Amino acid sequence: MKKWIVAIIAIVALVLLFFFVKGVFDNSIQLNPVAFKIGPFYIHWYGIVIAAGIILCYIIGSRIGVKQGMNEEHMAEAIIVCIFFGIAGARLYYVFSQWDLYKNNLLEIFMTWHGGLAIYGGVLGALLGGALYTRFRKNCSFTLFQGTDIAAAMLPLGQAIGRWGNFFNYEAYGSPTDLPWKMFIPFPYRMPGYEGFEYFHPTFLYESAWDILTFCVLFFFYAKKRKNHGETTALYFIVYSLGRIFVESLRLDSLYWGEWRAAQVTGVILMAVGILLFVYFRKKGKPIVKQTA
């Protein structure tokens, strides 16, 4: 297909998306979180959007990895392991942060379809999965930080897409606002104590925009500026966490550790760790070996 045709299709799609989102924000369009039903199972837009983000990132990331000599089968195995550990980590982080809700009903911990996943737990869980895979997979074609650098470069794009799952669920919004880009939240989805307000900060959109910026920065760095393995991974912790700390301050549904927002505490810690790791990898990391044709 010619590039100009693709460009026209993309422009039309973006225009339609803009008016669709605008309609939801001003309440001329109301969303149904359920996309369709198969027998007794409800398929939610949230899951579809998350899956789309993962698939797109894997397709792009795997092509980059193959060009660098990574085995495509190994990458597919690794992503499956990382998804499993990522879901487990996201759930454990959430349960830990909401322990009072689960301590008397432990079976509820396993009922993830009731909601309750946290992105930081997912990232750390996936990192653990990647570490275990590269450690125990015989003749693995890439090291841990070779793999995580590609993942770190692509992950913000997946997060930017995945945040729109919150859009369909009317969740991850912020405090009431009268700004021009305010989002209408239907009464059943309003947080306790805010039932009298109609329009709120679309913090999911703020984070999605930050994730796109993070993706651009990390992808450029990965392609043009990195010198040693691990640098892109460290930079992800720094750049993503910086934006998340500020966006989190607006949200009404934050998880708390005592009086502190869990995501902000985690973000500060990971920023500090990221800075230390970046300095370390820049000075003592394994140099990048350029692939020759």
C-alpha atoms as a PDB file:
ATOM      1  CA  MET A   1       0.000   0.000   0.000  1.00  0.00           C
ATOM      2  CA  LYS A   2       1.318   3.431  -0.945  1.00  0.00           C
ATOM      3  CA  LYS A   3       2.501   5.668   1.858  1.00  0.00           C
ATOM      4  CA  TRP A   4       0.108   8.498   0.995  1.00  0.00           C
ATOM      5  CA  ILE A   5      -2.859   6.139   1.291  1.00  0.00           C
ATOM      6  CA  VAL A   6      -1.633   4.979   4.688  1.00  0.00           C
ATOM      7  CA  ALA A   7      -1.178   8.612   5.743  1.00  0.00           C
ATOM      8  CA  ILE A   8      -4.736   9.514   4.705  1.00  0.00           C
ATOM      9  CA  ILE A   9      -6.179   6.509   6.557  1.00  0.00           C
ATOM     10  CA  ALA A  10      -4.178   7.437   9.663  1.00  0.00           C
ATOM     11  CA  ILE A  11      -5.354  11.067   9.554  1.00  0.00           C
ATOM     12  CA  VAL A  12      -9.002  10.058   9.117  1.00  0.00           C
ATOM     13  CA  ALA A  13      -8.699   7.567  11.978  1.00  0.00           C
ATOM     14  CA  LEU A  14      -7.186  10.207  14.274  1.00  0.00           C
ATOM     15  CA  VAL A  15      -9.922  12.709  13.424  1.00  0.00           C
ATOM     16  CA  LEU A  16     -12.629  10.136  14.140  1.00  0.00           C
ATOM     17  CA  LEU A  17     -10.877   9.165  17.380  1.00  0.00           C
ATOM     18  CA  PHE A  18     -10.727  12.821  18.431  1.00  0.00           C
ATOM     19  CA  PHE A  19     -14.465  13.350  17.976  1.00  0.00           C
ATOM     20  CA  PHE A  20     -15.224  10.036  19.682  1.00  0.00           C
ATOM     21  CA  VAL A  21     -13.138  10.965  22.725  1.00  0.00           C
ATOM     22  CA  LYS A  22     -14.600  14.487  22.727  1.00  0.00           C
ATOM     23  CA  GLY A  23     -18.091  12.970  22.731  1.00  0.00           C
ATOM     24  CA  VAL A  24     -17.269  10.816  25.736  1.00  0.00           C
ATOM     25  CA  PHE A  25     -15.661  13.728  27.572  1.00  0.00           C
ATOM     26  CA  ASP A  26     -18.719  15.970  27.145  1.00  0.00           C
ATOM     27  CA  ASN A  27     -21.195  13.100  27.774  1.00  0.00           C
ATOM     28  CA  SER A  28     -22.773  13.083  24.313  1.00  0.00           C
ATOM     29  CA  ILE A  29     -21.439   9.511  24.042  1.00  0.00           C
ATOM     30  CA  GLN A  30     -21.582   7.021  26.927  1.00  0.00           C
ATOM     31  CA  LEU A  31     -19.324   3.993  27.050  1.00  0.00           C
ATOM     32  CA  ASN A  32     -20.042   0.367  27.870  1.00  0.00           C
ATOM     33  CA  PRO A  33     -16.965  -1.291  29.425  1.00  0.00           C
ATOM     34  CA  VAL A  34     -18.084  -4.654  27.973  1.00  0.00           C
ATOM     35  CA  ALA A  35     -17.163  -5.137  24.317  1.00  0.00           C
ATOM     36  CA  PHE A  36     -19.083  -8.383  23.785  1.00  0.00           C
ATOM     37  CA  LYS A  37     -20.128 -11.610  25.484  1.00  0.00           C
ATOM     38  CA  ILE A  38     -19.149 -15.202  24.682  1.00  0.00           C
ATOM     39  CA  GLY A  39     -21.429 -17.591  26.540  1.00  0.00           C
ATOM     40  CA  PRO A  40     -21.135 -16.711  30.238  1.00  0.00           C
ATOM     41  CA  PHE A  41     -17.935 -14.723  29.692  1.00  0.00           C
ATOM     42  CA  TYR A  42     -17.823 -10.949  29.286  1.00  0.00           C
ATOM     43  CA  ILE A  43     -15.003  -9.548  27.164  1.00  0.00           C
ATOM     44  CA  HIS A  44     -14.113  -6.058  28.349  1.00  0.00           C
ATOM     45  CA  TRP A  45     -12.585  -3.274  26.301  1.00  0.00           C
ATOM     46  CA  TYR A  46      -9.949  -2.944  29.021  1.00  0.00           C
ATOM     47  CA  GLY A  47      -8.552  -6.399  28.255  1.00  0.00           C
ATOM     48  CA  ILE A  48      -8.718  -5.846  24.501  1.00  0.00           C
ATOM     49  CA  VAL A  49      -6.819  -2.569  24.743  1.00  0.00           C
ATOM     50  CA  ILE A  50      -4.156  -4.052  27.039  1.00  0.00           C
ATOM     51  CA  ALA A  51      -3.712  -7.037  24.721  1.00  0.00           C
ATOM     52  CA  ALA A  52      -3.405  -4.734  21.699  1.00  0.00           C
ATOM     53  CA  GLY A  53      -0.636  -2.774  23.409  1.00  0.00           C
ATOM     54  CA  ILE A  54       1.280  -5.926  24.325  1.00  0.00           C
ATOM     55  CA  ILE A  55       0.962  -7.425  20.838  1.00  0.00           C
ATOM     56  CA  LEU A  56       2.052  -4.243  19.055  1.00  0.00           C
ATOM     57  CA  CYS A  57       5.075  -3.801  21.309  1.00  0.00           C
ATOM     58  CA  TYR A  58       6.070  -7.442  20.893  1.00  0.00           C
ATOM     59  CA  ILE A  59       5.831  -7.251  17.109  1.00  0.00           C
ATOM     60  CA  ILE A  60       8.050  -4.165  16.928  1.00  0.00           C
ATOM     61  CA  GLY A  61      10.414  -5.298  19.693  1.00  0.00           C
ATOM     62  CA  SER A  62      10.887  -8.786  18.269  1.00  0.00           C
ATOM     63  CA  ARG A  63      11.855  -7.363  14.882  1.00  0.00           C
ATOM     64  CA  ILE A  64      14.478  -5.220  16.558  1.00  0.00           C
ATOM     65  CA  GLY A  65      15.728  -8.220  18.512  1.00  0.00           C
ATOM     66  CA  VAL A  66      15.971 -10.462  15.436  1.00  0.00           C
ATOM     67  CA  LYS A  67      18.074  -7.826  13.683  1.00  0.00           C
ATOM     68  CA  GLN A  68      20.416  -7.942  16.676  1.00  0.00           C
ATOM     69  CA  GLY A  69      20.787 -11.718  16.511  1.00  0.00           C
ATOM     70  CA  MET A  70      18.203 -12.737  19.108  1.00  0.00           C
ATOM     71  CA  ASN A  71      16.289 -15.958  18.587  1.00  0.00           C
ATOM     72  CA  GLU A  72      12.606 -15.229  17.904  1.00  0.00           C
ATOM     73  CA  GLU A  73      11.487 -18.379  19.740  1.00  0.00           C
ATOM     74  CA  HIS A  74      13.442 -17.307  22.803  1.00  0.00           C
ATOM     75  CA  MET A  75      11.826 -13.865  22.708  1.00  0.00           C
ATOM     76  CA  ALA A  76       8.346 -15.378  22.424  1.00  0.00           C
ATOM     77  CA  GLU A  77       9.035 -17.663  25.386  1.00  0.00           C
ATOM     78  CA  ALA A  78      10.413 -14.764  27.393  1.00  0.00           C
ATOM     79  CA  ILE A  79       7.405 -12.535  26.772  1.00  0.00           C
ATOM     80  CA  ILE A  80       5.039 -15.288  27.908  1.00  0.00           C
ATOM     81  CA  VAL A  81       7.024 -15.762  31.101  1.00  0.00           C
ATOM     82  CA  CYS A  82       7.181 -12.011  31.668  1.00  0.00           C
ATOM     83  CA  ILE A  83       3.432 -11.592  31.122  1.00  0.00           C
ATOM     84  CA  PHE A  84       2.729 -14.324  33.688  1.00  0.00           C
ATOM     85  CA  PHE A  85       5.085 -12.800  36.254  1.00  0.00           C
ATOM     86  CA  GLY A  86       3.890  -9.313  35.373  1.00  0.00           C
ATOM     87  CA  ILE A  87       0.256 -10.144  36.125  1.00  0.00           C
ATOM     88  CA  ALA A  88       1.256 -11.854  39.357  1.00  0.00           C
ATOM     89  CA  GLY A  89       3.417  -8.884  40.362  1.00  0.00           C
ATOM     90  CA  ALA A  90       0.712  -6.368  39.503  1.00  0.00           C
ATOM     91  CA  ARG A  91      -1.800  -8.294  41.608  1.00  0.00           C
ATOM     92  CA  LEU A  92       0.535  -8.769  44.587  1.00  0.00           C
ATOM     93  CA  TYR A  93       1.438  -5.065  44.609  1.00  0.00           C
ATOM     94  CA  TYR A  94      -2.249  -4.158  44.635  1.00  0.00           C
ATOM     95  CA  VAL A  95      -3.149  -6.713  47.309  1.00  0.00           C
ATOM     96  CA  PHE A  96      -0.242  -5.573  49.493  1.00  0.00           C
ATOM     97  CA  SER A  97      -1.453  -1.979  49.176  1.00  0.00           C
ATOM     98  CA  GLN A  98      -5.057  -2.977  50.006  1.00  0.00           C
ATOM     99  CA  TRP A  99      -4.364  -5.726  52.524  1.00  0.00           C
ATOM    100  CA  ASP A 100      -7.227  -4.737  54.835  1.00  0.00           C
ATOM    101  CA  LEU A 101      -9.652  -5.642  52.036  1.00  0.00           C
ATOM    102  CA  TYR A 102      -8.156  -9.109  51.506  1.00  0.00           C
ATOM    103  CA  LYS A 103      -6.875 -10.348  54.858  1.00  0.00           C
ATOM    104  CA  ASN A 104     -10.256 -11.813  55.812  1.00  0.00           C
ATOM    105  CA  ASN A 105     -11.044 -13.184  52.349  1.00  0.00           C
ATOM    106  CA  LEU A 106      -7.870 -14.679  50.911  1.00  0.00           C
ATOM    107  CA  LEU A 107      -9.640 -16.327  47.968  1.00  0.00           C
ATOM    108  CA  GLU A 108     -10.471 -12.871  46.651  1.00  0.00           C
ATOM    109  CA  ILE A 109      -6.750 -12.386  45.990  1.00  0.00           C
ATOM    110  CA  PHE A 110      -6.977 -14.753  43.043  1.00  0.00           C
ATOM    111  CA  MET A 111     -10.090 -13.146  41.546  1.00  0.00           C
ATOM    112  CA  THR A 112      -8.304 -10.685  39.271  1.00  0.00           C
ATOM    113  CA  TRP A 113     -11.423 -10.274  37.123  1.00  0.00           C
ATOM    114  CA  HIS A 114     -12.849  -8.207  39.960  1.00  0.00           C
ATOM    115  CA  GLY A 115     -10.139  -5.644  39.267  1.00  0.00           C
ATOM    116  CA  GLY A 116      -7.003  -4.666  41.114  1.00  0.00           C
ATOM    117  CA  LEU A 117      -3.705  -4.534  39.196  1.00  0.00           C
ATOM    118  CA  ALA A 118      -0.875  -2.030  39.631  1.00  0.00           C
ATOM    119  CA  ILE A 119       1.528  -1.138  36.832  1.00  0.00           C
ATOM    120  CA  TYR A 120       4.614  -0.829  39.033  1.00  0.00           C
ATOM    121  CA  GLY A 121       4.049  -4.333  40.381  1.00  0.00           C
ATOM    122  CA  GLY A 122       3.617  -5.534  36.813  1.00  0.00           C
ATOM    123  CA  VAL A 123       6.904  -3.993  35.693  1.00  0.00           C
ATOM    124  CA  LEU A 124       8.836  -5.417  38.647  1.00  0.00           C
ATOM    125  CA  GLY A 125       7.177  -8.818  38.236  1.00  0.00           C
ATOM    126  CA  ALA A 126       8.035  -8.890  34.526  1.00  0.00           C
ATOM    127  CA  LEU A 127      11.622  -7.930  35.344  1.00  0.00           C
ATOM    128  CA  LEU A 128      11.839 -10.883  37.731  1.00  0.00           C
ATOM    129  CA  GLY A 129      10.380 -13.165  35.053  1.00  0.00           C
ATOM    130  CA  GLY A 130      12.961 -11.963  32.545  1.00  0.00           C
ATOM    131  CA  ALA A 131      15.772 -12.502  35.031  1.00  0.00           C
ATOM    132  CA  LEU A 132      14.650 -16.080  35.709  1.00  0.00           C
ATOM    133  CA  TYR A 133      14.180 -16.849  32.020  1.00  0.00           C
ATOM    134  CA  THR A 134      17.610 -15.615  30.939  1.00  0.00           C
ATOM    135  CA  ARG A 135      19.201 -17.354  33.934  1.00  0.00           C
ATOM    136  CA  PHE A 136      17.702 -20.800  33.419  1.00  0.00           C
ATOM    137  CA  ARG A 137      16.954 -20.987  29.663  1.00  0.00           C
ATOM    138  CA  LYS A 138      19.724 -23.061  28.111  1.00  0.00           C
ATOM    139  CA  ASN A 139      21.634 -21.263  25.380  1.00  0.00           C
ATOM    140  CA  CYS A 140      19.480 -18.176  25.658  1.00  0.00           C
ATOM    141  CA  SER A 141      20.310 -15.901  22.716  1.00  0.00           C
ATOM    142  CA  PHE A 142      20.266 -12.708  24.772  1.00  0.00           C
ATOM    143  CA  THR A 143      21.273 -11.519  28.212  1.00  0.00           C
ATOM    144  CA  LEU A 144      18.899 -10.046  30.769  1.00  0.00           C
ATOM    145  CA  PHE A 145      19.762  -6.444  29.988  1.00  0.00           C
ATOM    146  CA  GLN A 146      19.801  -6.990  26.239  1.00  0.00           C
ATOM    147  CA  GLY A 147      16.216  -8.109  26.603  1.00  0.00           C
ATOM    148  CA  THR A 148      15.115  -5.507  29.139  1.00  0.00           C
ATOM    149  CA  ASP A 149      16.593  -2.677  27.080  1.00  0.00           C
ATOM    150  CA  ILE A 150      14.330  -3.547  24.150  1.00  0.00           C
ATOM    151  CA  ALA A 151      11.421  -4.041  26.532  1.00  0.00           C
ATOM    152  CA  ALA A 152      12.105  -0.708  28.237  1.00  0.00           C
ATOM    153  CA  ALA A 153      12.209   1.084  24.897  1.00  0.00           C
ATOM    154  CA  MET A 154       8.883  -0.434  23.825  1.00  0.00           C
ATOM    155  CA  LEU A 155       7.011  -0.627  27.157  1.00  0.00           C
ATOM    156  CA  PRO A 156       5.962   3.057  27.303  1.00  0.00           C
ATOM    157  CA  LEU A 157       4.203   2.649  23.959  1.00  0.00           C
ATOM    158  CA  GLY A 158       2.273  -0.309  25.362  1.00  0.00           C
ATOM    159  CA  GLN A 159       1.468   1.675  28.501  1.00  0.00           C
ATOM    160  CA  ALA A 160       0.266   4.634  26.427  1.00  0.00           C
ATOM    161  CA  ILE A 161      -2.154   2.321  24.606  1.00  0.00           C
ATOM    162  CA  GLY A 162      -3.104   0.380  27.731  1.00  0.00           C
ATOM    163  CA  ARG A 163      -4.133   3.530  29.627  1.00  0.00           C
ATOM    164  CA  TRP A 164      -7.075   3.831  27.245  1.00  0.00           C
ATOM    165  CA  GLY A 165      -8.473   0.746  28.912  1.00  0.00           C
ATOM    166  CA  ASN A 166      -9.059   3.048  31.898  1.00  0.00           C
ATOM    167  CA  PHE A 167     -10.947   5.359  29.545  1.00  0.00           C
ATOM    168  CA  PHE A 168     -13.467   2.616  28.727  1.00  0.00           C
ATOM    169  CA  ASN A 169     -13.837   1.784  32.425  1.00  0.00           C
ATOM    170  CA  TYR A 170     -14.304   5.401  33.531  1.00  0.00           C
ATOM    171  CA  GLU A 171     -11.442   5.011  35.993  1.00  0.00           C
ATOM    172  CA  ALA A 172      -7.997   6.436  36.795  1.00  0.00           C
ATOM    173  CA  TYR A 173      -9.401   9.974  36.717  1.00  0.00           C
ATOM    174  CA  GLY A 174      -8.387  12.881  38.885  1.00  0.00           C
ATOM    175  CA  SER A 175      -9.925  15.604  40.992  1.00  0.00           C
ATOM    176  CA  PRO A 176     -12.896  17.711  39.810  1.00  0.00           C
ATOM    177  CA  THR A 177     -12.029  20.401  37.261  1.00  0.00           C
ATOM    178  CA  ASP A 178     -13.596  22.943  34.887  1.00  0.00           C
ATOM    179  CA  LEU A 179     -10.690  22.878  32.416  1.00  0.00           C
ATOM    180  CA  PRO A 180     -11.666  22.716  28.713  1.00  0.00           C
ATOM    181  CA  TRP A 181     -10.496  19.084  28.478  1.00  0.00           C
ATOM    182  CA  LYS A 182     -12.472  17.940  31.543  1.00  0.00           C
ATOM    183  CA  MET A 183     -14.040  14.465  31.376  1.00  0.00           C
ATOM    184  CA  PHE A 184     -17.605  13.630  32.369  1.00  0.00           C
ATOM    185  CA  ILE A 185     -17.803  10.681  34.763  1.00  0.00           C
ATOM    186  CA  PRO A 186     -21.238   8.988  35.075  1.00  0.00           C
ATOM    187  CA  PHE A 187     -22.656   8.850  38.591  1.00  0.00           C
ATOM    188  CA  PRO A 188     -22.091   5.069  39.162  1.00  0.00           C
ATOM    189  CA  TYR A 189     -18.352   5.504  38.499  1.00  0.00           C
ATOM    190  CA  ARG A 190     -17.727   8.485  40.765  1.00  0.00           C
ATOM    191  CA  MET A 191     -15.541   8.058  43.809  1.00  0.00           C
ATOM    192  CA  PRO A 192     -17.215   8.223  47.243  1.00  0.00           C
ATOM    193  CA  GLY A 193     -17.467  11.821  48.374  1.00  0.00           C
ATOM    194  CA  TYR A 194     -17.430  13.175  44.818  1.00  0.00           C
ATOM    195  CA  GLU A 195     -20.937  12.196  43.755  1.00  0.00           C
ATOM    196  CA  GLY A 196     -21.928  15.847  43.404  1.00  0.00           C
ATOM    197  CA  PHE A 197     -19.286  16.561  40.771  1.00  0.00           C
ATOM    198  CA  GLU A 198     -19.617  15.708  37.085  1.00  0.00           C
ATOM    199  CA  TYR A 199     -16.322  16.626  35.432  1.00  0.00           C
ATOM    200  CA  PHE A 200     -12.850  15.443  36.423  1.00  0.00           C
ATOM    201  CA  HIS A 201      -9.217  15.524  35.305  1.00  0.00           C
ATOM    202  CA  PRO A 202      -8.647  12.757  32.711  1.00  0.00           C
ATOM    203  CA  THR A 203      -5.445  11.625  34.400  1.00  0.00           C
ATOM    204  CA  PHE A 204      -5.375   8.460  32.308  1.00  0.00           C
ATOM    205  CA  LEU A 205      -4.918  10.789  29.307  1.00  0.00           C
ATOM    206  CA  TYR A 206      -2.153  12.736  31.039  1.00  0.00           C
ATOM    207  CA  GLU A 207      -0.254   9.557  31.727  1.00  0.00           C
ATOM    208  CA  SER A 208      -0.848   8.236  28.224  1.00  0.00           C
ATOM    209  CA  ALA A 209       0.625  11.467  26.822  1.00  0.00           C
ATOM    210  CA  TRP A 210       3.615  11.178  29.171  1.00  0.00           C
ATOM    211  CA  ASP A 211       4.088   7.557  28.111  1.00  0.00           C
ATOM    212  CA  ILE A 212       4.208   8.593  24.449  1.00  0.00           C
ATOM    213  CA  LEU A 213       6.848  11.196  25.278  1.00  0.00           C
ATOM    214  CA  THR A 214       8.746   8.593  27.309  1.00  0.00           C
ATOM    215  CA  PHE A 215       8.581   6.179  24.379  1.00  0.00           C
ATOM    216  CA  CYS A 216      10.005   8.795  22.006  1.00  0.00           C
ATOM    217  CA  VAL A 217      12.852   9.606  24.400  1.00  0.00           C
ATOM    218  CA  LEU A 218      13.749   5.977  25.145  1.00  0.00           C
ATOM    219  CA  PHE A 219      13.408   4.744  21.571  1.00  0.00           C
ATOM    220  CA  PHE A 220      15.677   7.549  20.338  1.00  0.00           C
ATOM    221  CA  PHE A 221      18.148   6.851  23.129  1.00  0.00           C
ATOM    222  CA  TYR A 222      18.085   3.110  22.400  1.00  0.00           C
ATOM    223  CA  ALA A 223      18.666   3.632  18.692  1.00  0.00           C
ATOM    224  CA  LYS A 224      21.179   6.486  18.784  1.00  0.00           C
ATOM    225  CA  LYS A 225      22.721   7.212  22.175  1.00  0.00           C
ATOM    226  CA  ARG A 226      23.163   4.085  24.286  1.00  0.00           C
ATOM    227  CA  LYS A 227      26.665   2.778  24.791  1.00  0.00           C
ATOM    228  CA  ASN A 228      26.247  -0.160  27.161  1.00  0.00           C
ATOM    229  CA  HIS A 229      23.572  -2.728  27.932  1.00  0.00           C
ATOM    230  CA  GLY A 230      21.261  -1.760  30.786  1.00  0.00           C
ATOM    231  CA  GLU A 231      21.277   1.980  30.174  1.00  0.00           C
ATOM    232  CA  THR A 232      17.860   2.056  28.504  1.00  0.00           C
ATOM    233  CA  THR A 233      16.381  -0.027  31.318  1.00  0.00           C
ATOM    234  CA  ALA A 234      17.718   2.401  33.908  1.00  0.00           C
ATOM    235  CA  LEU A 235      16.507   5.400  31.909  1.00  0.00           C
ATOM    236  CA  TYR A 236      12.991   3.948  31.793  1.00  0.00           C
ATOM    237  CA  PHE A 237      12.794   3.933  35.587  1.00  0.00           C
ATOM    238  CA  ILE A 238      13.890   7.575  35.670  1.00  0.00           C
ATOM    239  CA  VAL A 239      11.724   9.071  32.916  1.00  0.00           C
ATOM    240  CA  TYR A 240       8.531   7.087  33.443  1.00  0.00           C
ATOM    241  CA  SER A 241       8.591   7.522  37.219  1.00  0.00           C
ATOM    242  CA  LEU A 242       9.122  11.285  36.914  1.00  0.00           C
ATOM    243  CA  GLY A 243       5.838  11.713  35.062  1.00  0.00           C
ATOM    244  CA  ARG A 244       3.968   9.180  37.159  1.00  0.00           C
ATOM    245  CA  ILE A 245       4.842  11.002  40.370  1.00  0.00           C
ATOM    246  CA  PHE A 246       3.196  14.201  39.142  1.00  0.00           C
ATOM    247  CA  VAL A 247       0.152  12.567  37.516  1.00  0.00           C
ATOM    248  CA  GLU A 248      -0.483  10.470  40.620  1.00  0.00           C
ATOM    249  CA  SER A 249      -0.869  13.623  42.715  1.00  0.00           C
ATOM    250  CA  LEU A 250      -4.115  14.387  40.828  1.00  0.00           C
ATOM    251  CA  ARG A 251      -5.725  10.945  41.028  1.00  0.00           C
ATOM    252  CA  LEU A 252      -8.580  10.128  43.372  1.00  0.00           C
ATOM    253  CA  ASP A 253      -8.118   6.347  43.333  1.00  0.00           C
ATOM    254  CA  SER A 254      -4.487   6.139  44.425  1.00  0.00           C
ATOM    255  CA  LEU A 255      -3.268   3.239  46.513  1.00  0.00           C
ATOM    256  CA  TYR A 256      -1.822   4.361  49.844  1.00  0.00           C
ATOM    257  CA  TRP A 257       0.906   3.105  52.129  1.00  0.00           C
ATOM    258  CA  GLY A 258      -0.038   4.846  55.335  1.00  0.00           C
ATOM    259  CA  GLU A 259      -0.377   8.515  54.429  1.00  0.00           C
ATOM    260  CA  TRP A 260       1.745   8.239  51.288  1.00  0.00           C
ATOM    261  CA  ARG A 261       0.606   7.433  47.773  1.00  0.00           C
ATOM    262  CA  ALA A 262       2.136   4.066  46.900  1.00  0.00           C
ATOM    263  CA  ALA A 263       2.925   4.959  43.287  1.00  0.00           C
ATOM    264  CA  GLN A 264       4.747   8.128  44.326  1.00  0.00           C
ATOM    265  CA  VAL A 265       6.825   6.314  46.928  1.00  0.00           C
ATOM    266  CA  THR A 266       7.667   3.590  44.416  1.00  0.00           C
ATOM    267  CA  GLY A 267       8.387   6.208  41.755  1.00  0.00           C
ATOM    268  CA  VAL A 268      10.856   8.088  43.934  1.00  0.00           C
ATOM    269  CA  ILE A 269      12.636   4.854  44.858  1.00  0.00           C
ATOM    270  CA  LEU A 270      12.825   3.675  41.241  1.00  0.00           C
ATOM    271  CA  MET A 271      14.055   7.074  40.058  1.00  0.00           C
ATOM    272  CA  ALA A 272      16.890   6.904  42.575  1.00  0.00           C
ATOM    273  CA  VAL A 273      17.667   3.307  41.608  1.00  0.00           C
ATOM    274  CA  GLY A 274      17.479   4.237  37.929  1.00  0.00           C
ATOM    275  CA  ILE A 275      19.978   7.086  38.343  1.00  0.00           C
ATOM    276  CA  LEU A 276      22.426   4.843  40.195  1.00  0.00           C
ATOM    277  CA  LEU A 277      22.040   2.061  37.621  1.00  0.00           C
ATOM    278  CA  PHE A 278      22.472   4.438  34.700  1.00  0.00           C
ATOM    279  CA  VAL A 279      25.730   5.777  36.126  1.00  0.00           C
ATOM    280  CA  TYR A 280      26.897   2.224  36.782  1.00  0.00           C
ATOM    281  CA  PHE A 281      25.993   0.893  33.340  1.00  0.00           C
ATOM    282  CA  ARG A 282      27.496   3.904  31.590  1.00  0.00           C
ATOM    283  CA  LYS A 283      30.801   3.356  33.382  1.00  0.00           C
ATOM    284  CA  LYS A 284      30.976  -0.434  33.772  1.00  0.00           C
ATOM    285  CA  GLY A 285      28.261  -1.917  31.597  1.00  0.00           C
ATOM    286  CA  LYS A 286      28.805  -4.396  28.782  1.00  0.00           C
ATOM    287  CA  PRO A 287      29.443  -2.448  25.547  1.00  0.00           C
ATOM    288  CA  ILE A 288      26.971  -2.663  22.670  1.00  0.00           C
ATOM    289  CA  VAL A 289      28.244  -4.787  19.799  1.00  0.00           C
ATOM    290  CA  LYS A 290      26.969  -3.373  16.534  1.00  0.00           C
ATOM    291  CA  GLN A 291      25.585  -5.981  14.139  1.00  0.00           C
ATOM    292  CA  THR A 292      27.182  -5.992  10.720  1.00  0.00           C
ATOM    293  CA  ALA A 293      25.431  -7.016   7.538  1.00  0.00           C
END
